[in-house]
C-alpha atoms as a PDB file:
ATOM      1  CA  MET A   1       1.927  24.871  31.132  1.00  0.00           C
ATOM      2  CA  LEU A   2       4.940  23.287  29.433  1.00  0.00           C
ATOM      3  CA  ASN A   3       8.244  25.107  29.377  1.00  0.00           C
ATOM      4  CA  GLU A   4       9.156  27.092  26.283  1.00  0.00           C
ATOM      5  CA  ARG A   5      11.570  24.523  24.866  1.00  0.00           C
ATOM      6  CA  PHE A   6       9.025  21.708  25.094  1.00  0.00           C
ATOM      7  CA  GLU A   7       6.485  23.887  23.308  1.00  0.00           C
ATOM      8  CA  GLU A   8       8.925  24.796  20.536  1.00  0.00           C
ATOM      9  CA  TYR A   9       9.686  21.138  19.929  1.00  0.00           C
ATOM     10  CA  LEU A  10       6.031  20.076  19.838  1.00  0.00           C
ATOM     11  CA  GLU A  11       5.130  22.883  17.447  1.00  0.00           C
ATOM     12  CA  THR A  12       8.082  22.000  15.206  1.00  0.00           C
ATOM     13  CA  ILE A  13       7.274  18.283  15.226  1.00  0.00           C
ATOM     14  CA  LEU A  14       3.669  19.080  14.283  1.00  0.00           C
ATOM     15  CA  TYR A  15       4.872  21.193  11.359  1.00  0.00           C
ATOM     16  CA  ILE A  16       7.334  18.568  10.093  1.00  0.00           C
ATOM     17  CA  THR A  17       4.995  15.578  10.434  1.00  0.00           C
ATOM     18  CA  LYS A  18       2.296  17.444   8.501  1.00  0.00           C
ATOM     19  CA  LYS A  19       4.806  18.380   5.796  1.00  0.00           C
ATOM     20  CA  ASN A  20       6.183  14.826   5.610  1.00  0.00           C
ATOM     21  CA  GLY A  21       2.841  13.130   5.918  1.00  0.00           C
ATOM     22  CA  GLY A  22       4.499  10.884   8.498  1.00  0.00           C
ATOM     23  CA  LEU A  23       7.374  10.708  10.944  1.00  0.00           C
ATOM     24  CA  ALA A  24       9.701  13.631  11.675  1.00  0.00           C
ATOM     25  CA  ARG A  25      13.387  12.741  11.633  1.00  0.00           C
ATOM     26  CA  THR A  26      15.587  14.155  14.372  1.00  0.00           C
ATOM     27  CA  SER A  27      17.847  15.653  11.692  1.00  0.00           C
ATOM     28  CA  GLN A  28      14.886  17.645  10.364  1.00  0.00           C
ATOM     29  CA  ILE A  29      14.025  18.883  13.850  1.00  0.00           C
ATOM     30  CA  ALA A  30      17.648  19.901  14.412  1.00  0.00           C
ATOM     31  CA  GLU A  31      17.730  21.800  11.121  1.00  0.00           C
ATOM     32  CA  GLU A  32      14.413  23.546  11.766  1.00  0.00           C
ATOM     33  CA  LEU A  33      15.426  24.660  15.266  1.00  0.00           C
ATOM     34  CA  ASN A  34      19.078  25.267  14.347  1.00  0.00           C
ATOM     35  CA  LEU A  35      20.304  22.906  17.063  1.00  0.00           C
ATOM     36  CA  SER A  36      22.827  20.077  17.228  1.00  0.00           C
ATOM     37  CA  ALA A  37      21.701  16.485  16.715  1.00  0.00           C
ATOM     38  CA  PRO A  38      22.731  15.402  20.250  1.00  0.00           C
ATOM     39  CA  SER A  39      20.678  18.237  21.791  1.00  0.00           C
ATOM     40  CA  VAL A  40      17.627  17.205  19.801  1.00  0.00           C
ATOM     41  CA  THR A  41      18.047  13.536  20.692  1.00  0.00           C
ATOM     42  CA  GLU A  42      18.209  14.416  24.387  1.00  0.00           C
ATOM     43  CA  MET A  43      15.041  16.518  24.198  1.00  0.00           C
ATOM     44  CA  VAL A  44      12.989  14.023  22.211  1.00  0.00           C
ATOM     45  CA  GLN A  45      13.870  11.385  24.790  1.00  0.00           C
ATOM     46  CA  LYS A  46      12.457  13.686  27.483  1.00  0.00           C
ATOM     47  CA  LEU A  47       9.326  14.337  25.433  1.00  0.00           C
ATOM     48  CA  SER A  48       8.921  10.615  24.887  1.00  0.00           C
ATOM     49  CA  ALA A  49       9.306   9.893  28.609  1.00  0.00           C
ATOM     50  CA  SER A  50       6.637  12.534  29.315  1.00  0.00           C
ATOM     51  CA  GLY A  51       4.193  10.901  26.899  1.00  0.00           C
ATOM     52  CA  TYR A  52       4.104  13.648  24.271  1.00  0.00           C
ATOM     53  CA  ILE A  53       5.782  11.760  21.433  1.00  0.00           C
ATOM     54  CA  GLU A  54       6.687   8.278  20.287  1.00  0.00           C
ATOM     55  CA  TYR A  55      10.390   8.058  19.477  1.00  0.00           C
ATOM     56  CA  THR A  56      12.145   5.271  17.608  1.00  0.00           C
ATOM     57  CA  PRO A  57      15.941   5.744  17.454  1.00  0.00           C
ATOM     58  CA  TYR A  58      17.327   6.063  13.899  1.00  0.00           C
ATOM     59  CA  HIS A  59      13.764   6.187  12.559  1.00  0.00           C
ATOM     60  CA  GLY A  60      11.935   9.265  13.776  1.00  0.00           C
ATOM     61  CA  VAL A  61       9.239  10.694  16.029  1.00  0.00           C
ATOM     62  CA  THR A  62       5.497  11.198  15.914  1.00  0.00           C
ATOM     63  CA  LEU A  63       3.134  12.951  18.283  1.00  0.00           C
ATOM     64  CA  THR A  64       0.959  10.967  20.675  1.00  0.00           C
ATOM     65  CA  ASP A  65      -2.653  12.056  21.171  1.00  0.00           C
ATOM     66  CA  LYS A  66      -1.475  14.020  24.200  1.00  0.00           C
ATOM     67  CA  GLY A  67       1.319  15.669  22.227  1.00  0.00           C
ATOM     68  CA  TYR A  68      -0.889  16.410  19.230  1.00  0.00           C
ATOM     69  CA  THR A  69      -3.479  18.154  21.400  1.00  0.00           C
ATOM     70  CA  GLU A  70      -0.782  20.267  23.044  1.00  0.00           C
ATOM     71  CA  ALA A  71       0.865  21.103  19.709  1.00  0.00           C
ATOM     72  CA  LEU A  72      -2.455  22.282  18.262  1.00  0.00           C
ATOM     73  CA  ARG A  73      -3.001  24.460  21.318  1.00  0.00           C
ATOM     74  CA  ILE A  74       0.408  26.094  20.846  1.00  0.00           C
ATOM     75  CA  LYS A  75      -0.190  26.584  17.126  1.00  0.00           C
ATOM     76  CA  ARG A  76      -3.531  28.277  17.817  1.00  0.00           C
ATOM     77  CA  ARG A  77      -1.881  30.640  20.299  1.00  0.00           C
ATOM     78  CA  HIS A  78       0.630  31.653  17.635  1.00  0.00           C
ATOM     79  CA  GLN A  79      -2.054  32.149  14.988  1.00  0.00           C
ATOM     80  CA  LEU A  80      -4.267  34.297  17.229  1.00  0.00           C
ATOM     81  CA  LEU A  81      -1.341  36.487  18.275  1.00  0.00           C
ATOM     82  CA  GLU A  82      -0.239  36.877  14.665  1.00  0.00           C
ATOM     83  CA  THR A  83      -3.789  37.753  13.604  1.00  0.00           C
ATOM     84  CA  PHE A  84      -4.101  40.344  16.372  1.00  0.00           C
ATOM     85  CA  LEU A  85      -0.789  41.958  15.453  1.00  0.00           C
ATOM     86  CA  VAL A  86      -1.653  42.133  11.747  1.00  0.00           C
ATOM     87  CA  ASP A  87      -5.398  42.813  11.708  1.00  0.00           C
ATOM     88  CA  VAL A  88      -5.770  44.960  14.832  1.00  0.00           C
ATOM     89  CA  LEU A  89      -2.399  46.685  15.151  1.00  0.00           C
ATOM     90  CA  GLY A  90      -1.558  46.762  11.438  1.00  0.00           C
ATOM     91  CA  GLU A  91       1.853  45.161  11.909  1.00  0.00           C
ATOM     92  CA  ASP A  92       3.807  43.815   8.953  1.00  0.00           C
ATOM     93  CA  PRO A  93       3.066  40.048   8.599  1.00  0.00           C
ATOM     94  CA  ASP A  94       6.754  39.043   8.709  1.00  0.00           C
ATOM     95  CA  ILE A  95       7.367  41.053  11.876  1.00  0.00           C
ATOM     96  CA  ALA A  96       4.109  39.781  13.375  1.00  0.00           C
ATOM     97  CA  HIS A  97       5.236  36.184  12.821  1.00  0.00           C
ATOM     98  CA  LYS A  98       8.511  36.751  14.668  1.00  0.00           C
ATOM     99  CA  GLU A  99       6.797  38.571  17.532  1.00  0.00           C
ATOM    100  CA  ALA A 100       4.135  35.868  17.859  1.00  0.00           C
ATOM    101  CA  CYS A 101       6.901  33.254  18.188  1.00  0.00           C
ATOM    102  CA  LYS A 102       8.152  35.089  21.269  1.00  0.00           C
ATOM    103  CA  MET A 103       4.769  35.901  22.800  1.00  0.00           C
ATOM    104  CA  GLU A 104       3.065  32.526  22.360  1.00  0.00           C
ATOM    105  CA  HIS A 105       4.970  30.986  25.265  1.00  0.00           C
ATOM    106  CA  SER A 106       4.084  33.600  27.859  1.00  0.00           C
ATOM    107  CA  ILE A 107       0.571  34.897  27.201  1.00  0.00           C
ATOM    108  CA  SER A 108      -2.089  33.567  29.593  1.00  0.00           C
ATOM    109  CA  GLU A 109      -5.074  31.563  28.367  1.00  0.00           C
ATOM    110  CA  SER A 110      -7.518  34.127  29.804  1.00  0.00           C
ATOM    111  CA  THR A 111      -5.830  36.980  27.909  1.00  0.00           C
ATOM    112  CA  LEU A 112      -5.734  34.902  24.722  1.00  0.00           C
ATOM    113  CA  ASP A 113      -9.465  34.130  25.067  1.00  0.00           C
ATOM    114  CA  LYS A 114     -10.248  37.842  25.477  1.00  0.00           C
ATOM    115  CA  MET A 115      -8.113  38.640  22.446  1.00  0.00           C
ATOM    116  CA  CYS A 116      -9.921  35.980  20.421  1.00  0.00           C
ATOM    117  CA  ALA A 117     -13.329  37.340  21.468  1.00  0.00           C
ATOM    118  CA  PHE A 118     -12.245  40.932  20.711  1.00  0.00           C
ATOM    119  CA  MET A 119     -11.420  39.896  17.139  1.00  0.00           C
ATOM    120  CA  GLY A 120     -14.732  38.074  16.748  1.00  0.00           C
ATOM    121  CA  HIS A 121     -13.238  34.577  17.012  1.00  0.00           C
ATOM    122  CA  PRO A 122     -11.340  34.668  13.677  1.00  0.00           C
ATOM    123  CA  ASP A 123     -11.285  31.584  11.454  1.00  0.00           C
ATOM    124  CA  ILE A 124      -8.289  32.422   9.260  1.00  0.00           C
ATOM    125  CA  CYS A 125      -4.812  33.663  10.186  1.00  0.00           C
ATOM    126  CA  PRO A 126      -2.813  36.130   8.039  1.00  0.00           C
ATOM    127  CA  ASP A 127      -1.084  33.369   6.077  1.00  0.00           C
ATOM    128  CA  GLY A 128      -4.465  31.998   5.004  1.00  0.00           C
ATOM    129  CA  ASN A 129      -4.483  28.886   7.196  1.00  0.00           C
ATOM    130  CA  PRO A 130      -7.489  28.001   9.379  1.00  0.00           C
ATOM    131  CA  ILE A 131      -7.341  28.809  13.101  1.00  0.00           C
ATOM    132  CA  GLY A 132      -8.493  26.006  15.381  1.00  0.00           C
ATOM    133  CA  HIS A 133     -11.734  26.315  17.332  1.00  0.00           C
ATOM    134  CA  GLY A 134     -11.078  27.233  20.987  1.00  0.00           C
ATOM    135  CA  GLU A 135     -13.086  26.727  24.160  1.00  0.00           C
ATOM    136  CA  CYS A 136     -13.860  30.455  24.191  1.00  0.00           C
ATOM    137  CA  CYS A 137     -15.369  30.306  20.709  1.00  0.00           C
ATOM    138  CA  PRO A 138     -19.128  29.941  20.314  1.00  0.00           C
ATOM    139  CA  THR A 139     -20.437  26.699  18.865  1.00  0.00           C
ATOM    140  CA  GLU A 140     -20.231  26.880  15.102  1.00  0.00           C
ATOM    141  CA  PRO A 141     -23.603  27.761  13.608  1.00  0.00           C
ATOM    142  CA  GLN A 142     -25.256  25.502  11.057  1.00  0.00           C
ATOM    143  CA  GLY A 143     -24.317  26.383   7.501  1.00  0.00           C
ATOM    144  CA  ALA A 144     -21.084  27.516   5.938  1.00  0.00           C
ATOM    145  CA  SER A 145     -17.822  27.884   7.832  1.00  0.00           C
ATOM    146  CA  TYR A 146     -14.268  28.697   6.773  1.00  0.00           C
ATOM    147  CA  ARG A 147     -13.910  25.084   5.627  1.00  0.00           C
ATOM    148  CA  ASP A 148     -16.432  25.865   2.878  1.00  0.00           C
ATOM    149  CA  TYR A 149     -14.531  28.862   1.539  1.00  0.00           C
ATOM    150  CA  ILE A 150     -11.917  28.941  -1.204  1.00  0.00           C
ATOM    151  CA  PRO A 151      -9.349  31.599  -2.171  1.00  0.00           C
ATOM    152  CA  LEU A 152     -10.592  34.116  -4.726  1.00  0.00           C
ATOM    153  CA  SER A 153      -7.601  33.090  -6.850  1.00  0.00           C
ATOM    154  CA  GLU A 154      -9.188  29.659  -7.412  1.00  0.00           C
ATOM    155  CA  LEU A 155     -12.343  30.971  -9.082  1.00  0.00           C
ATOM    156  CA  ASN A 156     -12.463  30.491 -12.857  1.00  0.00           C
ATOM    157  CA  GLU A 157     -13.428  33.080 -15.462  1.00  0.00           C
ATOM    158  CA  GLY A 158     -17.135  33.849 -15.239  1.00  0.00           C
ATOM    159  CA  GLU A 159     -17.554  32.345 -11.787  1.00  0.00           C
ATOM    160  CA  ARG A 160     -19.138  34.321  -8.974  1.00  0.00           C
ATOM    161  CA  GLY A 161     -18.487  34.283  -5.268  1.00  0.00           C
ATOM    162  CA  THR A 162     -19.268  36.116  -2.053  1.00  0.00           C
ATOM    163  CA  ILE A 163     -16.357  37.504  -0.030  1.00  0.00           C
ATOM    164  CA  LYS A 164     -16.276  36.012   3.467  1.00  0.00           C
ATOM    165  CA  VAL A 165     -12.805  36.489   4.964  1.00  0.00           C
ATOM    166  CA  ILE A 166     -10.000  38.909   4.083  1.00  0.00           C
ATOM    167  CA  SER A 167      -6.715  37.897   5.735  1.00  0.00           C
ATOM    168  CA  LEU A 168      -4.613  40.959   5.003  1.00  0.00           C
ATOM    169  CA  THR A 169      -3.236  43.935   6.884  1.00  0.00           C
ATOM    170  CA  ARG A 170      -5.555  46.693   8.029  1.00  0.00           C
ATOM    171  CA  GLU A 171      -3.997  49.086   5.503  1.00  0.00           C
ATOM    172  CA  ILE A 172      -4.672  46.748   2.578  1.00  0.00           C
ATOM    173  CA  LYS A 173      -8.172  45.992   3.855  1.00  0.00           C
ATOM    174  CA  ASP A 174      -8.916  49.723   3.870  1.00  0.00           C
ATOM    175  CA  ARG A 175      -7.737  50.038   0.264  1.00  0.00           C
ATOM    176  CA  LEU A 176      -9.860  47.064  -0.779  1.00  0.00           C
ATOM    177  CA  SER A 177     -12.867  48.468   1.061  1.00  0.00           C
ATOM    178  CA  ALA A 178     -12.545  51.687  -0.955  1.00  0.00           C
ATOM    179  CA  ILE A 179     -13.117  49.718  -4.183  1.00  0.00           C
ATOM    180  CA  GLY A 180     -15.947  47.610  -2.801  1.00  0.00           C
ATOM    181  CA  LEU A 181     -14.096  44.479  -1.728  1.00  0.00           C
ATOM    182  CA  ILE A 182     -15.629  43.859   1.688  1.00  0.00           C
ATOM    183  CA  PRO A 183     -17.115  40.812   3.473  1.00  0.00           C
ATOM    184  CA  ASP A 184     -20.496  39.641   2.106  1.00  0.00           C
ATOM    185  CA  GLN A 185     -19.971  41.512  -1.174  1.00  0.00           C
ATOM    186  CA  GLU A 186     -20.615  39.466  -4.317  1.00  0.00           C
ATOM    187  CA  ILE A 187     -17.899  39.485  -6.986  1.00  0.00           C
ATOM    188  CA  GLN A 188     -17.378  37.888 -10.394  1.00  0.00           C
ATOM    189  CA  VAL A 189     -14.145  36.951 -12.137  1.00  0.00           C
ATOM    190  CA  LYS A 190     -14.223  38.502 -15.596  1.00  0.00           C
ATOM    191  CA  ARG A 191     -10.779  37.526 -16.846  1.00  0.00           C
ATOM    192  CA  LYS A 192      -7.618  35.834 -15.645  1.00  0.00           C
ATOM    193  CA  LEU A 193      -4.624  37.907 -16.650  1.00  0.00           C
ATOM    194  CA  GLY A 194      -0.880  37.218 -16.553  1.00  0.00           C
ATOM    195  CA  LYS A 195       1.020  36.184 -13.412  1.00  0.00           C
ATOM    196  CA  GLY A 196      -2.170  35.246 -11.563  1.00  0.00           C
ATOM    197  CA  THR A 197      -3.759  38.699 -11.721  1.00  0.00           C
ATOM    198  CA  LEU A 198      -7.571  38.683 -11.823  1.00  0.00           C
ATOM    199  CA  SER A 199      -9.931  41.173 -13.396  1.00  0.00           C
ATOM    200  CA  ILE A 200     -13.104  41.106 -11.295  1.00  0.00           C
ATOM    201  CA  THR A 201     -16.327  43.076 -11.068  1.00  0.00           C
ATOM    202  CA  THR A 202     -17.720  44.314  -7.776  1.00  0.00           C
ATOM    203  CA  MET A 203     -20.553  46.780  -7.250  1.00  0.00           C
ATOM    204  CA  GLY A 204     -20.673  47.365 -11.003  1.00  0.00           C
ATOM    205  CA  THR A 205     -16.985  48.265 -11.281  1.00  0.00           C
ATOM    206  CA  GLU A 206     -14.195  46.216 -12.858  1.00  0.00           C
ATOM    207  CA  VAL A 207     -10.919  46.141 -10.921  1.00  0.00           C
ATOM    208  CA  ALA A 208      -7.651  44.194 -11.154  1.00  0.00           C
ATOM    209  CA  ILE A 209      -6.436  42.157  -8.159  1.00  0.00           C
ATOM    210  CA  GLY A 210      -2.937  40.684  -7.906  1.00  0.00           C
ATOM    211  CA  LYS A 211      -2.340  37.018  -7.130  1.00  0.00           C
ATOM    212  CA  ASP A 212      -0.903  37.691  -3.645  1.00  0.00           C
ATOM    213  CA  ILE A 213      -4.057  39.610  -2.678  1.00  0.00           C
ATOM    214  CA  ALA A 214      -6.480  37.173  -4.317  1.00  0.00           C
ATOM    215  CA  GLN A 215      -4.978  34.253  -2.395  1.00  0.00           C
ATOM    216  CA  LYS A 216      -5.827  35.958   0.917  1.00  0.00           C
ATOM    217  CA  ILE A 217      -9.465  36.721   0.067  1.00  0.00           C
ATOM    218  CA  MET A 218     -11.668  33.753   0.931  1.00  0.00           C
ATOM    219  CA  VAL A 219     -14.967  33.479  -0.932  1.00  0.00           C
ATOM    220  CA  GLN A 220     -18.016  31.269  -0.913  1.00  0.00           C
ATOM    221  CA  SER A 221     -19.188  30.202  -4.359  1.00  0.00           C
ATOM    222  CA  PRO A 222     -22.909  29.676  -5.061  1.00  0.00           C
ATOM    223  CA  GLY A 223     -22.482  25.903  -5.200  1.00  0.00           C
ATOM    224  CA  MET A 224     -21.104  25.663  -1.627  1.00  0.00           C
END
Protein backbone atom coordinates (compact mmCIF):
# COMPACT_ATOMS: atom_id res chain seq x y z
CA MET A 1 0.00 0.00 0.00
CA LEU A 2 1.20 3.51 -0.86
CA ASN A 3 1.73 6.04 1.89
CA GLU A 4 -1.03 8.54 2.59
CA ARG A 5 0.63 11.46 0.80
CA PHE A 6 1.14 9.48 -2.40
CA GLU A 7 -2.51 8.44 -2.32
CA GLU A 8 -3.71 12.01 -1.79
CA TYR A 9 -1.69 13.19 -4.76
CA LEU A 10 -2.92 10.43 -7.08
CA GLU A 11 -6.54 11.02 -6.10
CA THR A 12 -6.12 14.77 -6.63
CA ILE A 13 -4.41 14.34 -10.00
CA LEU A 14 -7.23 12.03 -11.12
CA TYR A 15 -9.80 14.65 -10.13
CA ILE A 16 -7.99 17.51 -11.88
CA THR A 17 -7.20 15.63 -15.10
CA LYS A 18 -10.85 14.58 -15.40
CA LYS A 19 -11.99 18.16 -14.79
CA ASN A 20 -9.45 19.57 -17.27
CA GLY A 21 -9.90 16.84 -19.82
CA GLY A 22 -6.10 16.70 -19.96
CA LEU A 23 -2.98 17.47 -17.99
CA ALA A 24 -3.01 18.69 -14.38
CA ARG A 25 -0.76 21.68 -13.72
CA THR A 26 1.34 21.65 -10.57
CA SER A 27 -0.21 24.99 -9.59
CA GLN A 28 -3.65 23.35 -9.63
CA ILE A 29 -2.42 20.47 -7.49
CA ALA A 30 -0.87 22.92 -5.03
CA GLU A 31 -4.11 24.89 -4.80
CA GLU A 32 -6.26 21.78 -4.36
CA LEU A 33 -4.05 20.37 -1.60
CA ASN A 34 -3.25 23.78 -0.08
CA LEU A 35 0.50 23.22 -0.43
CA SER A 36 3.41 25.27 -1.73
CA ALA A 37 4.55 24.90 -5.33
CA PRO A 38 8.03 23.61 -4.36
CA SER A 39 6.48 20.88 -2.17
CA VAL A 40 4.26 19.76 -5.02
CA THR A 41 7.12 19.75 -7.51
CA GLU A 42 9.19 17.57 -5.19
CA MET A 43 6.35 15.06 -4.75
CA VAL A 44 5.43 14.81 -8.42
CA GLN A 45 9.07 14.07 -9.18
CA LYS A 46 8.91 11.18 -6.71
CA LEU A 47 5.66 9.93 -8.22
CA SER A 48 7.19 10.16 -11.67
CA ALA A 49 10.28 8.22 -10.57
CA SER A 50 7.99 5.53 -9.13
CA GLY A 51 6.11 5.18 -12.41
CA TYR A 52 2.75 6.56 -11.27
CA ILE A 53 2.71 9.73 -13.37
CA GLU A 54 4.34 11.35 -16.37
CA TYR A 55 5.70 14.78 -15.47
CA THR A 56 6.86 17.46 -17.87
CA PRO A 57 8.32 20.52 -16.09
CA TYR A 58 6.41 23.78 -16.78
CA HIS A 59 3.73 21.78 -18.60
CA GLY A 60 1.93 19.42 -16.25
CA VAL A 61 1.35 15.83 -15.17
CA THR A 62 -0.82 12.92 -16.24
CA LEU A 63 -1.35 9.51 -14.71
CA THR A 64 0.33 6.44 -16.19
CA ASP A 65 -1.69 3.23 -16.47
CA LYS A 66 -0.19 2.19 -13.14
CA GLY A 67 -1.10 5.50 -11.53
CA TYR A 68 -4.59 5.56 -13.01
CA THR A 69 -5.36 2.09 -11.66
CA GLU A 70 -4.15 3.08 -8.20
CA ALA A 71 -6.07 6.38 -8.26
CA LEU A 72 -9.30 4.58 -9.17
CA ARG A 73 -8.74 2.15 -6.31
CA ILE A 74 -8.33 5.03 -3.85
CA LYS A 75 -11.40 6.81 -5.22
CA ARG A 76 -13.49 3.66 -4.82
CA ARG A 77 -12.36 3.30 -1.21
CA HIS A 78 -13.51 6.86 -0.52
CA GLN A 79 -16.86 6.34 -2.24
CA LEU A 80 -17.63 3.10 -0.38
CA LEU A 81 -16.75 4.64 2.98
CA GLU A 82 -18.86 7.69 2.22
CA THR A 83 -21.78 5.50 1.14
CA PHE A 84 -21.53 3.40 4.31
CA LEU A 85 -21.46 6.49 6.53
CA VAL A 86 -24.46 8.07 4.80
CA ASP A 87 -26.67 5.10 3.91
CA VAL A 88 -25.96 2.77 6.84
CA LEU A 89 -25.10 5.13 9.69
CA GLY A 90 -27.23 8.06 8.53
CA GLU A 91 -24.37 10.56 8.71
CA ASP A 92 -24.66 13.99 7.12
CA PRO A 93 -23.13 13.83 3.58
CA ASP A 94 -20.72 16.73 4.21
CA ILE A 95 -19.43 15.16 7.42
CA ALA A 96 -19.27 11.74 5.75
CA HIS A 97 -17.08 13.18 2.98
CA LYS A 98 -14.58 14.60 5.47
CA GLU A 99 -14.50 11.39 7.51
CA ALA A 100 -14.04 9.24 4.40
CA CYS A 101 -11.02 11.37 3.44
CA LYS A 102 -9.38 10.36 6.71
CA MET A 103 -10.44 6.71 6.72
CA GLU A 104 -9.65 5.83 3.10
CA HIS A 105 -5.92 5.64 3.77
CA SER A 106 -6.07 3.21 6.67
CA ILE A 107 -8.94 0.77 6.12
CA SER A 108 -7.86 -2.72 4.99
CA GLU A 109 -8.99 -4.21 1.69
CA SER A 110 -10.65 -7.16 3.46
CA THR A 111 -12.71 -4.83 5.67
CA LEU A 112 -13.64 -2.69 2.67
CA ASP A 113 -14.77 -5.79 0.75
CA LYS A 114 -16.96 -6.88 3.68
CA MET A 115 -18.42 -3.38 3.90
CA CYS A 116 -19.15 -3.41 0.17
CA ALA A 117 -20.85 -6.82 0.42
CA PHE A 118 -22.86 -5.71 3.48
CA MET A 119 -24.28 -2.81 1.46
CA GLY A 120 -25.12 -5.08 -1.48
CA HIS A 121 -22.25 -3.86 -3.68
CA PRO A 122 -23.63 -0.33 -4.26
CA ASP A 123 -23.36 1.26 -7.71
CA ILE A 124 -23.87 4.92 -6.78
CA CYS A 125 -22.27 7.02 -4.04
CA PRO A 126 -24.14 9.77 -2.13
CA ASP A 127 -23.07 12.49 -4.56
CA GLY A 128 -24.65 10.56 -7.44
CA ASN A 129 -21.43 9.38 -9.10
CA PRO A 130 -20.91 5.73 -10.07
CA ILE A 131 -18.80 3.52 -7.80
CA GLY A 132 -16.24 1.37 -9.61
CA HIS A 133 -16.66 -2.40 -9.78
CA GLY A 134 -14.41 -4.17 -7.25
CA GLU A 135 -12.96 -7.67 -7.12
CA CYS A 136 -15.41 -8.51 -4.33
CA CYS A 137 -18.39 -7.56 -6.48
CA PRO A 138 -20.26 -10.26 -8.39
CA THR A 139 -20.04 -10.22 -12.16
CA GLU A 140 -22.57 -7.76 -13.50
CA PRO A 141 -25.70 -9.55 -14.69
CA GLN A 142 -26.93 -9.16 -18.24
CA GLY A 143 -29.37 -6.30 -18.64
CA ALA A 144 -29.50 -2.85 -17.11
CA SER A 145 -26.86 -1.46 -14.77
CA TYR A 146 -26.32 1.94 -13.18
CA ARG A 147 -24.89 3.13 -16.50
CA ASP A 148 -28.39 2.78 -17.96
CA TYR A 149 -30.06 4.93 -15.32
CA ILE A 150 -30.69 8.67 -15.39
CA PRO A 151 -31.60 11.13 -12.62
CA LEU A 152 -35.33 11.57 -12.08
CA SER A 153 -34.74 15.29 -12.67
CA GLU A 154 -33.95 14.58 -16.34
CA LEU A 155 -37.33 13.04 -17.16
CA ASN A 156 -39.65 15.29 -19.17
CA GLU A 157 -43.33 15.97 -18.49
CA GLY A 158 -45.39 12.87 -19.18
CA GLU A 159 -42.43 10.51 -19.15
CA ARG A 160 -42.41 7.43 -16.96
CA GLY A 161 -39.59 5.67 -15.20
CA THR A 162 -38.83 2.98 -12.65
CA ILE A 163 -36.85 3.96 -9.55
CA LYS A 164 -33.62 1.96 -9.29
CA VAL A 165 -31.22 3.75 -6.95
CA ILE A 166 -31.82 6.37 -4.24
CA SER A 167 -28.56 8.00 -3.13
CA LEU A 168 -29.76 9.93 -0.10
CA THR A 169 -29.51 9.69 3.66
CA ARG A 170 -31.41 7.01 5.52
CA GLU A 171 -33.70 9.65 7.04
CA ILE A 172 -34.68 11.04 3.64
CA LYS A 173 -35.08 7.54 2.21
CA ASP A 174 -37.52 6.73 5.00
CA ARG A 175 -39.56 9.85 4.22
CA LEU A 176 -39.61 8.99 0.52
CA SER A 177 -40.61 5.41 1.29
CA ALA A 178 -43.62 6.71 3.23
CA ILE A 179 -44.96 8.35 0.04
CA GLY A 180 -44.20 5.40 -2.21
CA LEU A 181 -40.83 6.38 -3.63
CA ILE A 182 -38.92 3.11 -3.31
CA PRO A 183 -36.73 1.02 -5.65
CA ASP A 184 -38.61 -0.74 -8.48
CA GLN A 185 -41.62 1.58 -8.10
CA GLU A 186 -42.89 3.11 -11.34
CA ILE A 187 -43.39 6.89 -11.40
CA GLN A 188 -44.53 9.48 -13.93
CA VAL A 189 -43.61 13.15 -14.19
CA LYS A 190 -46.85 15.12 -14.38
CA ARG A 191 -45.48 18.65 -14.38
CA LYS A 192 -42.20 20.51 -14.07
CA LEU A 193 -42.60 23.36 -11.63
CA GLY A 194 -40.35 26.30 -10.72
CA LYS A 195 -36.74 25.93 -9.54
CA GLY A 196 -36.50 22.33 -10.77
CA THR A 197 -39.32 20.98 -8.60
CA LEU A 198 -41.21 18.04 -10.11
CA SER A 199 -44.81 17.00 -9.62
CA ILE A 200 -44.88 13.22 -10.01
CA THR A 201 -47.39 10.42 -9.53
CA THR A 202 -46.55 7.24 -7.67
CA MET A 203 -48.94 4.54 -6.51
CA GLY A 204 -51.85 6.71 -7.63
CA THR A 205 -50.77 9.74 -5.59
CA GLU A 206 -49.34 13.02 -6.87
CA VAL A 207 -46.41 14.42 -4.87
CA ALA A 208 -43.90 17.25 -5.32
CA ILE A 209 -40.16 16.49 -5.29
CA GLY A 210 -37.47 19.18 -5.06
CA LYS A 211 -34.60 19.38 -7.53
CA ASP A 212 -31.95 18.34 -4.97
CA ILE A 213 -33.90 15.15 -4.20
CA ALA A 214 -34.79 14.39 -7.82
CA GLN A 215 -31.14 14.56 -8.85
CA LYS A 216 -30.28 11.76 -6.39
CA ILE A 217 -33.03 9.37 -7.51
CA MET A 218 -31.84 7.28 -10.44
CA VAL A 219 -34.53 5.83 -12.71
CA GLN A 220 -34.74 3.55 -15.69
CA SER A 221 -37.02 4.79 -18.45
CA PRO A 222 -38.99 2.32 -20.61
CA GLY A 223 -36.75 2.96 -23.61
CA MET A 224 -33.55 1.87 -21.80
